[in-house]
Protein backbone atom coordinates (compact mmCIF):
# COMPACT_ATOMS: atom_id res chain seq x y z
CA MET A 1 -2.30 -9.86 -1.95
CA LEU A 2 -2.46 -6.26 -0.77
CA VAL A 3 -4.25 -3.90 -3.10
CA GLN A 4 -4.18 -0.13 -2.91
CA ASN A 5 -7.93 0.34 -2.76
CA GLN A 6 -8.20 -0.93 0.80
CA VAL A 7 -9.34 0.97 3.87
CA MET A 8 -9.61 -0.01 7.51
CA GLU A 9 -13.25 -0.65 8.40
CA HIS A 10 -14.23 -1.98 11.83
CA GLY A 11 -10.81 -3.51 12.31
CA VAL A 12 -10.69 -5.10 8.84
CA LEU A 13 -9.35 -3.84 5.53
CA ARG A 14 -12.11 -3.67 2.92
CA LYS A 15 -11.71 -3.23 -0.83
CA VAL A 16 -13.64 -0.10 -1.91
CA PRO A 17 -14.06 2.08 -5.00
CA LEU A 18 -11.38 4.70 -5.53
CA LYS A 19 -11.78 8.24 -6.71
CA SER A 20 -9.30 9.61 -9.22
CA GLY A 21 -5.86 9.94 -7.65
CA GLY A 22 -6.40 6.99 -5.33
CA ALA A 23 -8.50 8.75 -2.67
CA VAL A 24 -11.22 6.79 -0.89
CA ASP A 25 -14.86 7.91 -0.93
CA ASN A 26 -16.02 9.50 2.33
CA GLU A 27 -18.81 6.93 2.75
CA HIS A 28 -16.10 4.36 3.56
CA MET A 29 -14.45 6.43 6.28
CA ARG A 30 -14.61 4.04 9.23
CA GLY A 31 -12.30 1.90 11.30
CA ARG A 32 -10.22 0.92 14.26
CA SER A 33 -7.66 -1.80 14.83
CA ASN A 34 -6.50 -3.12 18.18
CA GLN A 35 -2.74 -2.66 17.82
CA GLY A 36 -1.70 0.54 16.09
CA LEU A 37 -5.19 1.93 16.50
CA ILE A 38 -6.76 3.75 13.57
CA SER A 39 -9.34 6.35 14.49
CA SER A 40 -12.95 6.06 13.42
CA SER A 41 -14.41 8.51 10.86
CA GLN A 42 -11.35 8.46 8.61
CA ALA A 43 -10.17 6.82 5.42
CA LEU A 44 -6.68 5.50 4.77
CA VAL A 45 -5.07 3.82 1.84
CA ILE A 46 -2.99 1.13 3.53
CA ARG A 47 0.45 0.62 1.99
CA ASN A 48 2.84 0.35 4.93
CA LEU A 49 3.32 -1.33 8.28
CA TYR A 50 4.90 0.73 11.07
CA ALA A 51 6.77 -1.03 13.89
CA GLY A 52 7.63 0.73 17.15
CA LEU A 53 10.76 -0.74 18.73
CA ASP A 54 11.56 -1.03 22.45
CA THR A 55 14.85 0.89 22.18
CA SER A 56 16.42 3.94 23.83
CA PRO A 57 16.00 6.29 22.09
CA GLY A 58 12.92 4.83 20.46
CA LYS A 59 12.83 3.77 16.83
CA LEU A 60 10.06 3.39 14.26
CA ASP A 61 10.53 1.15 11.22
CA LYS A 62 8.54 1.61 7.99
CA ILE A 63 7.80 -1.60 6.08
CA ASP A 64 6.39 -1.75 2.55
CA LEU A 65 3.57 -4.29 2.50
CA GLY A 66 3.88 -4.96 -1.22
CA THR A 67 7.46 -6.21 -0.92
CA PHE A 68 7.38 -6.91 2.84
CA SER A 69 10.71 -5.13 3.23
CA LYS A 70 11.92 -2.29 5.44
CA THR A 71 12.23 1.03 3.62
CA ALA A 72 13.15 3.49 6.42
CA THR A 73 13.92 3.89 10.12
CA LEU A 74 13.08 6.96 12.20
CA THR A 75 15.12 7.39 15.40
CA LEU A 76 13.56 9.61 18.06
CA ASP A 77 15.47 12.14 20.14
CA VAL A 78 17.45 11.38 23.31
CA GLY A 79 15.00 10.93 26.18
CA GLU A 80 12.22 9.72 23.85
CA ASP A 81 12.43 6.03 24.72
CA LYS A 82 10.54 2.79 24.16
CA PRO A 83 7.43 3.24 21.96
CA TRP A 84 4.82 0.89 23.45
CA SER A 85 1.59 2.13 21.85
CA SER A 86 0.55 3.70 18.55
CA ALA A 87 -2.46 5.22 16.81
CA ILE A 88 -3.02 6.75 13.38
CA LYS A 89 -5.28 9.54 12.16
CA GLY A 90 -4.93 10.74 8.59
CA ASN A 91 -1.28 11.13 7.70
CA TYR A 92 -0.13 11.29 11.30
CA LEU A 93 1.04 8.50 13.58
CA TYR A 94 1.22 8.97 17.35
CA LEU A 95 3.54 6.98 19.62
CA GLY A 96 3.09 6.56 23.37
CA LEU A 97 6.47 6.24 25.09
CA LEU A 98 7.66 4.53 28.27
CA THR A 99 9.36 7.57 29.80
CA PHE A 100 9.39 8.87 33.37
CA PRO A 101 8.78 10.93 35.42
CA ASN A 102 6.98 12.67 32.52
CA ALA A 103 4.87 10.77 30.00
CA LYS A 104 5.57 11.65 26.36
CA ILE A 105 3.63 11.27 23.11
CA VAL A 106 5.34 11.79 19.75
CA LYS A 107 3.59 12.97 16.57
CA ILE A 108 5.00 11.76 13.24
CA ASP A 109 4.13 12.95 9.74
CA LEU A 110 3.84 9.83 7.59
CA SER A 111 3.95 11.78 4.32
CA ASP A 112 7.67 12.46 4.79
CA PHE A 113 8.32 10.13 7.77
CA THR A 114 9.57 12.89 10.11
CA LYS A 115 8.81 13.80 13.70
CA VAL A 116 6.54 16.84 13.99
CA ALA A 117 6.30 17.37 17.74
CA THR A 118 6.59 15.82 21.19
CA LEU A 119 3.95 16.41 23.88
CA THR A 120 5.42 16.16 27.38
CA LEU A 121 2.82 15.73 30.11
CA GLY A 122 3.16 16.58 33.79
CA THR A 123 4.57 14.18 36.38
CA TYR A 124 2.24 12.09 38.52
CA GLU A 125 2.60 14.61 41.35
CA GLU A 126 1.64 17.33 38.86
CA GLY A 127 -1.59 15.51 37.97
CA ASP A 128 -0.58 13.32 35.03
CA GLY A 129 1.99 10.49 35.14
CA ALA A 130 4.62 8.45 33.30
CA TRP A 131 4.70 5.42 30.96
CA VAL A 132 2.06 5.56 28.20
CA TYR A 133 0.99 1.93 27.91
CA ALA A 134 -2.03 2.57 25.70
CA ILE A 135 -3.41 5.24 23.36
CA ILE A 136 -6.53 5.45 21.22
CA ILE A 137 -8.03 8.10 18.93
CA GLU A 138 -11.73 8.91 18.75
CA GLY A 139 -12.90 11.94 16.79
CA ASN A 140 -10.50 14.83 17.28
CA HIS A 141 -9.10 13.55 20.55
CA LEU A 142 -6.41 11.12 21.62
CA TYR A 143 -6.72 9.30 24.93
CA ALA A 144 -3.56 8.13 26.68
CA SER A 145 -3.10 6.04 29.81
CA VAL A 146 -0.45 7.29 32.22
CA SER A 147 1.15 5.42 35.11
CA PRO A 148 2.31 6.51 38.58
CA PHE A 149 5.59 4.67 38.00
CA ALA A 150 8.38 6.09 40.21
CA SER A 151 5.85 8.24 42.08
CA SER A 152 6.45 9.12 45.72
CA VAL A 153 2.74 8.64 46.47
CA PRO A 154 1.96 5.55 48.63
CA ILE A 155 0.81 2.60 46.53
CA ALA A 156 -2.66 2.46 48.09
CA ASP A 157 -3.31 6.05 47.04
CA ARG A 158 -1.98 5.81 43.48
CA GLN A 159 -4.51 6.41 40.72
CA GLY A 160 -4.99 5.02 37.24
CA ARG A 161 -5.28 8.04 34.93
CA ILE A 162 -6.31 8.83 31.36
CA VAL A 163 -5.23 12.02 29.61
CA LYS A 164 -7.44 13.59 26.92
CA ILE A 165 -5.51 15.40 24.16
CA ASN A 166 -6.79 17.74 21.45
CA LEU A 167 -5.27 16.62 18.15
CA SER A 168 -5.78 19.96 16.40
CA THR A 169 -3.55 21.76 18.90
CA PHE A 170 -1.71 18.67 20.23
CA THR A 171 -2.31 19.90 23.79
CA LYS A 172 -3.79 18.33 26.92
CA VAL A 173 -7.47 18.99 27.58
CA SER A 174 -7.94 17.23 30.92
CA THR A 175 -7.00 14.19 33.01
CA LEU A 176 -9.41 11.59 34.42
CA SER A 177 -8.74 9.30 37.39
CA VAL A 178 -10.41 5.89 37.21
CA GLY A 179 -9.79 5.23 40.91
CA THR A 180 -7.05 4.34 43.37
CA TYR A 181 -5.21 1.09 43.99
CA ALA A 182 -6.95 0.77 47.37
CA GLU A 183 -10.31 1.11 45.61
CA GLY A 184 -9.45 -1.81 43.34
CA ALA A 185 -8.87 0.28 40.24
CA GLY A 186 -5.17 -0.48 40.09
CA TYR A 187 -2.74 2.03 38.70
CA ASP A 188 -1.77 0.71 35.27
CA ILE A 189 -4.22 0.96 32.36
CA TYR A 190 -2.96 -1.41 29.70
CA SER A 191 -5.61 -1.27 26.97
CA PHE A 192 -8.41 0.73 25.33
CA ALA A 193 -11.37 0.12 23.04
CA VAL A 194 -14.25 2.35 21.91
CA SER A 195 -17.85 1.45 21.13
CA GLY A 196 -20.40 4.18 20.48
CA LYS A 197 -19.93 7.02 22.94
CA TYR A 198 -18.02 4.90 25.45
CA LEU A 199 -14.34 4.28 26.07
CA TYR A 200 -13.37 1.02 27.76
CA ALA A 201 -10.12 0.74 29.72
CA GLY A 202 -8.53 -2.58 30.70
CA LEU A 203 -6.69 -2.58 34.02
CA GLN A 204 -3.70 -4.55 35.28
CA THR A 205 -5.51 -5.78 38.38
CA ASN A 206 -6.15 -9.12 40.08
CA PRO A 207 -8.93 -9.96 39.35
CA GLY A 208 -9.07 -8.04 36.09
CA ARG A 209 -11.26 -4.97 35.76
CA ILE A 210 -12.65 -2.96 32.86
CA VAL A 211 -13.70 0.67 33.31
CA LYS A 212 -16.49 2.22 31.21
CA ILE A 213 -16.10 5.94 30.44
CA ASP A 214 -18.59 8.33 28.86
CA LEU A 215 -16.64 10.21 26.17
CA SER A 216 -19.23 13.00 25.91
CA THR A 217 -18.54 14.04 29.51
CA PHE A 218 -15.18 12.28 30.03
CA THR A 219 -16.41 10.74 33.27
CA LYS A 220 -16.31 7.20 34.65
CA VAL A 221 -19.64 5.39 34.37
CA SER A 222 -18.89 2.06 36.05
CA THR A 223 -16.29 -0.65 36.63
CA LEU A 224 -16.72 -4.33 35.76
CA GLN A 225 -14.80 -6.80 37.94
CA LEU A 226 -14.07 -10.13 36.27
CA ALA A 227 -13.89 -13.60 37.83
CA ALA A 228 -11.15 -14.52 40.29
CA ASP A 229 -9.02 -16.34 37.70
CA GLU A 230 -9.41 -13.65 35.00
CA ILE A 231 -6.37 -11.48 35.63
CA TYR A 232 -4.77 -8.43 33.94
CA VAL A 233 -6.75 -7.08 30.96
CA THR A 234 -3.89 -6.13 28.65
CA ALA A 235 -5.73 -5.84 25.31
CA LEU A 236 -9.30 -5.01 24.28
CA THR A 237 -11.28 -5.16 21.05
CA VAL A 238 -14.94 -4.74 20.09
CA LYS A 239 -16.79 -7.03 17.70
CA GLY A 240 -20.52 -6.54 17.26
CA ASN A 241 -22.24 -6.23 20.63
CA TYR A 242 -19.33 -7.72 22.56
CA LEU A 243 -16.07 -6.56 24.05
CA TYR A 244 -13.20 -9.06 24.19
CA GLY A 245 -10.26 -8.75 26.57
CA ALA A 246 -6.89 -10.52 26.60
CA LEU A 247 -5.97 -11.92 30.03
CA THR A 248 -2.28 -12.16 30.89
CA GLY A 249 -2.32 -13.35 34.47
CA PHE A 250 -2.20 -17.13 34.78
CA PRO A 251 -4.22 -18.89 33.36
CA TYR A 252 -3.96 -17.06 30.05
CA GLY A 253 -6.94 -16.46 27.80
CA VAL A 254 -9.74 -14.19 26.60
CA VAL A 255 -12.87 -12.85 28.29
CA LYS A 256 -16.14 -11.94 26.54
CA VAL A 257 -18.26 -9.03 27.81
CA ASP A 258 -21.80 -8.04 26.77
CA LEU A 259 -21.72 -4.31 25.95
CA GLY A 260 -25.47 -3.88 26.32
CA THR A 261 -25.49 -4.95 29.95
CA PHE A 262 -21.75 -4.40 30.59
CA SER A 263 -21.55 -7.84 32.15
CA ARG A 264 -19.20 -10.80 31.79
CA VAL A 265 -20.47 -13.57 29.48
CA ALA A 266 -17.69 -16.19 29.41
CA SER A 267 -13.95 -16.74 29.15
CA ILE A 268 -11.48 -19.08 27.45
CA LEU A 269 -8.67 -20.00 29.83
CA SER A 270 -7.15 -22.90 27.89
CA PHE A 271 -4.42 -21.31 25.79
CA PRO A 272 -1.47 -23.65 25.23
CA PHE A 273 2.19 -22.87 26.00
CA GLU A 274 3.68 -21.36 29.12
CA ASN A 275 4.30 -17.60 29.40
CA ALA A 276 1.43 -17.21 26.96
CA GLU A 277 0.52 -13.56 27.50
CA PRO A 278 -1.90 -12.77 24.66
CA SER A 279 -2.41 -9.67 22.57
CA LEU A 280 -5.77 -9.60 20.89
CA LEU A 281 -7.53 -8.20 17.84
CA ALA A 282 -10.58 -8.83 15.70
CA ALA A 283 -9.31 -9.60 12.21
CA ASP A 284 -12.43 -10.63 10.32
CA PRO A 285 -16.18 -11.15 10.84
CA ASN A 286 -15.79 -14.72 12.07
CA PHE A 287 -12.62 -14.98 14.15
CA LEU A 288 -10.50 -13.38 16.83
CA TYR A 289 -6.75 -13.86 16.85
CA ALA A 290 -4.79 -13.81 20.11
CA GLY A 291 -1.01 -13.73 19.93
CA GLN A 292 1.07 -15.27 22.70
CA TRP A 293 4.56 -16.71 23.19
CA ASN A 294 5.67 -18.16 19.83
CA ALA A 295 2.07 -18.68 18.70
CA ILE A 296 -1.26 -17.25 17.55
CA ASN A 297 -4.62 -18.63 18.70
CA LYS A 298 -7.66 -18.59 16.41
CA ILE A 299 -11.02 -18.20 18.17
CA ALA A 300 -14.43 -18.72 16.52
CA LEU A 301 -16.76 -15.83 17.37
CA SER A 302 -19.94 -17.83 16.76
CA THR A 303 -19.14 -20.40 19.45
CA PHE A 304 -16.44 -18.51 21.38
CA THR A 305 -14.12 -21.50 21.25
CA LEU A 306 -10.43 -21.93 20.52
CA THR A 307 -10.28 -23.67 17.13
CA GLU A 308 -6.59 -23.67 16.17
CA THR A 309 -3.12 -22.61 17.32
CA LEU A 310 -0.38 -21.64 14.87
CA THR A 311 3.25 -21.93 16.00
CA LEU A 312 5.46 -19.17 14.57
CA THR A 313 9.11 -19.24 13.57
CA GLY A 314 11.42 -17.32 15.91
CA ALA A 315 10.91 -16.54 19.58
CA GLY A 316 8.95 -13.97 21.55
CA TYR A 317 5.43 -12.80 22.28
CA ALA A 318 3.33 -11.98 19.20
CA ILE A 319 2.03 -8.40 18.95
CA LEU A 320 -0.69 -8.46 16.29
CA VAL A 321 -2.28 -6.31 13.59
CA ALA A 322 -4.19 -7.48 10.52
CA ASN A 323 -5.52 -6.36 7.17
CA GLN A 324 -8.16 -8.14 5.08
CA ASP A 325 -5.82 -10.87 3.85
CA ASP A 326 -2.85 -11.08 6.21
CA LEU A 327 -1.96 -10.90 9.85
CA TYR A 328 1.37 -9.49 11.09
CA ALA A 329 3.02 -10.54 14.35
CA GLY A 330 5.74 -8.36 15.83
CA ARG A 331 7.96 -10.31 18.23
CA THR A 332 9.23 -9.29 21.65
CA PRO A 333 11.68 -9.99 23.20
CA SER A 334 13.61 -10.52 20.00
CA ALA A 335 17.09 -9.26 19.08
CA PRO A 336 16.95 -8.16 16.40
CA GLY A 337 13.22 -7.66 16.06
CA LYS A 338 11.18 -9.98 13.85
CA ILE A 339 7.79 -9.67 12.14
CA ASN A 340 5.93 -12.78 10.94
CA LYS A 341 3.39 -12.61 8.11
CA VAL A 342 0.40 -15.00 8.27
CA ASP A 343 -2.10 -15.73 5.48
CA LEU A 344 -5.55 -15.54 7.10
CA SER A 345 -7.26 -17.66 4.44
CA THR A 346 -5.09 -20.68 5.27
CA PHE A 347 -3.90 -19.61 8.74
CA THR A 348 -0.31 -20.41 7.81
CA GLU A 349 2.91 -18.41 8.11
CA VAL A 350 4.02 -17.04 4.74
CA THR A 351 7.34 -15.44 5.64
CA ALA A 352 9.18 -13.51 8.34
CA LEU A 353 11.14 -10.26 8.24
CA ASP A 354 14.23 -9.85 10.44
CA LEU A 355 15.00 -6.24 11.31
CA ASP A 356 18.51 -4.78 11.50
CA VAL A 357 20.96 -5.20 14.37
CA GLY A 358 20.04 -2.77 17.15
CA GLU A 359 16.37 -2.79 16.14
CA ASP A 360 15.11 -4.99 18.96
CA ASP A 361 11.74 -5.93 20.39
CA VAL A 362 8.67 -4.93 18.36
CA ARG A 363 6.27 -3.46 20.89
CA THR A 364 3.57 -1.90 18.72
CA LEU A 365 2.36 -2.20 15.11
CA ALA A 366 0.23 0.09 12.96
CA LEU A 367 -1.09 -0.18 9.39
CA GLY A 368 -1.15 3.11 7.50
CA PRO A 369 -0.36 5.12 4.38
């Protein structure tokens, strides 16, 4: 059962002492989750689940975790379409949109559930790009991937780019290229994770690649190329000294990377079901959970083996986020959208919430106040 003295800590909700008024002590200010990323060095009392819907204009549903029911819907403005990524810092939620030719990021005040501002970046030809597939917050900065979708630049010359944004002013600081398509860097960055002073970016390339970036200088350090059958790194998460990446080219699975040496350790390429594109997160100290078509895979960290697969009700890929007790799976494609709730202690589905007509395809989830 959800309790109000929970904060996100290293991707898991922990029960902690509360100050008067329900605030959390500063010593517990830590955390990051894979979907709906929560920045490190912050404390949040988790009461709601936020679901970004793949609609035009985009929509964000607010779901009370205590009753597991929808309490509000925020519809973005015309031209602010398809929220595909989300991150939370304090009382603000940020949505990365699939818009072109200009990428857009929306800032939402969770205290009154209203839109505060929209940051419109330059086109690809102007040095930025379109389609924000991934965002992450570290410190006072947000990092957003931008795509050269619809660019007039020849494919071989197109660059994968990351935009650094100052959260205090909600303005762009700079843009980093991770390399061109011809150089093997691809041009779509699908996922982010942070460990220490480094940002890791998963690329939609064949074979898959992960780029290591020094946040202190915002420069590329190196690129790790995976094995030939480890394709498209579409989700990343850090657990201990290892980075785990979801692989969505066939065969589907998860790769394990040693952060100390930045080298590939092993992969699991035995996920069941066809069209099994996984989304990945670390939900507790012992297991990873990878969502795929109609199912969630449970992976033991100690042995890096697939231990169990849970089939969900409804249809669609499972986009995951978890607290200490429960895991939530947003489904896409699904009309209307659906969110399944899974008890982690028994690894069984508890219930499912169907959204309203016109609220289709849950593309991103975030846990927050």
